[in-house]
Amino acid sequence: MWFKRNFYKSRKWIELRKWALDKYGAQCMKCGSKNDIQVDHICSRSRHPGLRLSKHNVQILCATCNKVKGSIDRSDYRPIRHKGYYYIMKILSKGLLYAWLAFSFAVVFQDFAHGGMSASFSGQILMEAWEVISRALAFVDTSLDGSSP
């Protein structure tokens, strides 16, 4: 069964614990204490067994803060940069890219039907929209093919 008493002695947990302490440091993320530090599951392993070894489900708390938090509370005390906002921004920027592509196809199609887009108003809008999209993509270090530079 997954909920074994020796879970905290397993090689995978020890590796994850070391990773978390190396990444976040040995200081409580809630109160700042450096005493009696523990690696806490944000979503408890008893209620969310699939997340028990996820790097995205651990944070550093002191024993007191961890006990107060308990297994029901899913408070995330990690800094914002570790909470997944990067991925939300990446998804939004790709959504903007796809919207721009659809818009540009419509503009090109319309302008070709009317004789070209070199000096058209819609052509200027298209170029301004591309600048906004390219800045959003640069913000999240995303290239057009989805790979990072």
Protein backbone atom coordinates (compact mmCIF):
# COMPACT_ATOMS: atom_id res chain seq x y z
CA MET A 1 0.00 0.00 0.00
CA TRP A 2 1.21 3.53 -0.85
CA PHE A 3 0.70 4.91 2.66
CA LYS A 4 3.51 3.02 4.35
CA ARG A 5 5.00 4.06 7.65
CA ASN A 6 8.49 3.83 6.13
CA PHE A 7 7.67 6.35 3.37
CA TYR A 8 9.90 8.96 5.00
CA LYS A 9 12.81 6.51 4.88
CA SER A 10 12.37 5.68 1.19
CA ARG A 11 15.13 6.66 -1.24
CA LYS A 12 12.73 8.72 -3.39
CA TRP A 13 11.50 10.78 -0.42
CA ILE A 14 15.05 11.37 0.84
CA GLU A 15 16.05 12.60 -2.65
CA LEU A 16 12.99 14.87 -2.87
CA ARG A 17 13.63 16.22 0.64
CA LYS A 18 17.25 17.00 -0.25
CA TRP A 19 16.15 18.68 -3.47
CA ALA A 20 13.63 20.87 -1.59
CA LEU A 21 16.14 21.89 1.06
CA ASP A 22 18.74 22.71 -1.61
CA LYS A 23 16.22 24.71 -3.68
CA TYR A 24 14.44 26.63 -0.91
CA GLY A 25 16.96 26.60 1.95
CA ALA A 26 16.53 25.41 5.55
CA GLN A 27 14.25 28.20 6.75
CA CYS A 28 10.52 28.11 7.48
CA MET A 29 8.62 29.73 4.62
CA LYS A 30 5.86 30.92 6.95
CA CYS A 31 7.59 32.32 10.05
CA GLY A 32 11.28 32.38 9.04
CA SER A 33 12.47 30.07 11.82
CA LYS A 34 15.58 27.96 11.21
CA ASN A 35 14.84 25.50 14.04
CA ASP A 36 13.29 22.04 13.63
CA ILE A 37 12.86 22.37 9.84
CA GLN A 38 10.59 19.92 7.98
CA VAL A 39 9.68 19.40 4.35
CA ASP A 40 5.89 19.69 4.19
CA HIS A 41 3.45 18.35 1.61
CA ILE A 42 1.26 21.27 0.51
CA CYS A 43 -1.51 18.82 -0.41
CA SER A 44 -1.29 16.04 2.17
CA ARG A 45 -0.13 12.66 0.96
CA SER A 46 -3.05 10.94 2.72
CA ARG A 47 -5.60 12.96 0.72
CA HIS A 48 -3.58 13.29 -2.51
CA PRO A 49 -1.38 10.18 -2.85
CA GLY A 50 -0.46 11.01 -6.45
CA LEU A 51 1.36 14.16 -5.29
CA ARG A 52 3.40 12.54 -2.52
CA LEU A 53 6.65 12.67 -4.55
CA SER A 54 5.93 15.78 -6.65
CA LYS A 55 8.47 18.62 -6.57
CA HIS A 56 5.56 21.02 -6.96
CA ASN A 57 3.91 19.82 -3.74
CA VAL A 58 6.61 20.49 -1.14
CA GLN A 59 7.57 23.49 0.94
CA ILE A 60 9.80 24.12 3.93
CA LEU A 61 8.11 24.69 7.31
CA CYS A 62 9.23 24.50 10.92
CA ALA A 63 7.62 21.79 13.06
CA THR A 64 5.29 24.30 14.75
CA CYS A 65 3.95 25.80 11.49
CA ASN A 66 3.64 22.34 9.95
CA LYS A 67 1.61 21.08 12.92
CA VAL A 68 -0.68 24.13 12.85
CA LYS A 69 -1.19 23.70 9.10
CA GLY A 70 -2.28 20.08 9.51
CA SER A 71 -3.38 17.80 6.68
CA ILE A 72 -6.53 19.65 5.58
CA ASP A 73 -5.05 23.13 5.05
CA ARG A 74 -3.39 23.48 1.63
CA SER A 75 -1.69 26.82 2.23
CA ASP A 76 1.26 27.40 -0.05
CA TYR A 77 3.93 29.56 1.59
CA ARG A 78 6.44 29.34 -1.26
CA PRO A 79 7.52 32.55 -2.99
CA ILE A 80 5.36 33.55 -5.98
CA ARG A 81 7.98 32.47 -8.53
CA HIS A 82 7.54 28.86 -7.37
CA LYS A 83 3.74 28.76 -7.50
CA GLY A 84 3.23 28.15 -11.20
CA TYR A 85 2.53 31.71 -12.34
CA TYR A 86 5.31 31.28 -14.91
CA TYR A 87 3.35 28.48 -16.55
CA ILE A 88 0.13 30.49 -16.54
CA MET A 89 1.93 33.37 -18.23
CA LYS A 90 3.43 30.97 -20.77
CA ILE A 91 0.00 29.55 -21.62
CA LEU A 92 -1.49 33.05 -21.93
CA SER A 93 1.31 34.21 -24.22
CA LYS A 94 0.86 31.17 -26.46
CA GLY A 95 -2.87 31.91 -26.54
CA LEU A 96 -2.06 35.44 -27.63
CA LEU A 97 0.23 34.05 -30.32
CA TYR A 98 -2.49 31.80 -31.72
CA ALA A 99 -5.00 34.67 -31.63
CA TRP A 100 -2.51 36.85 -33.51
CA LEU A 101 -1.99 34.14 -36.13
CA ALA A 102 -5.74 33.80 -36.67
CA PHE A 103 -6.14 37.57 -36.82
CA SER A 104 -3.23 37.97 -39.23
CA PHE A 105 -4.62 35.28 -41.53
CA ALA A 106 -7.93 37.17 -41.65
CA VAL A 107 -6.16 40.50 -42.31
CA VAL A 108 -3.94 39.08 -45.04
CA PHE A 109 -6.89 37.39 -46.70
CA GLN A 110 -8.97 40.58 -46.59
CA ASP A 111 -6.15 42.83 -47.79
CA PHE A 112 -5.19 40.53 -50.66
CA ALA A 113 -8.82 40.60 -51.75
CA HIS A 114 -8.59 44.43 -51.81
CA GLY A 115 -5.23 44.73 -53.53
CA GLY A 116 -2.45 44.45 -50.91
CA MET A 117 -1.55 45.39 -47.38
CA SER A 118 1.61 47.46 -47.65
CA ALA A 119 0.06 50.70 -46.42
CA SER A 120 -3.32 49.53 -45.16
CA PHE A 121 -4.67 50.37 -41.72
CA SER A 122 -5.18 46.66 -40.93
CA GLY A 123 -1.56 45.97 -41.88
CA GLN A 124 -0.41 48.54 -39.33
CA ILE A 125 -2.62 46.97 -36.65
CA LEU A 126 -1.14 43.58 -37.52
CA MET A 127 2.41 44.87 -37.00
CA GLU A 128 1.52 46.49 -33.66
CA ALA A 129 -0.18 43.29 -32.52
CA TRP A 130 2.97 41.34 -33.44
CA GLU A 131 5.08 43.64 -31.25
CA VAL A 132 2.82 42.98 -28.25
CA ILE A 133 2.89 39.22 -28.84
CA SER A 134 6.66 39.12 -29.30
CA ARG A 135 7.16 41.01 -26.01
CA ALA A 136 4.89 38.56 -24.20
CA LEU A 137 6.82 35.63 -25.68
CA ALA A 138 10.14 37.21 -24.71
CA PHE A 139 8.82 37.70 -21.16
CA VAL A 140 8.42 33.97 -20.69
CA ASP A 141 11.44 33.01 -22.85
CA THR A 142 9.29 31.16 -25.36
CA SER A 143 10.11 30.88 -29.04
CA LEU A 144 7.59 30.18 -31.79
CA ASP A 145 8.27 26.45 -31.82
CA GLY A 146 7.72 26.14 -28.06
CA SER A 147 11.36 25.60 -27.11
CA SER A 148 13.34 27.90 -24.85
CA PRO A 149 16.27 29.85 -26.32
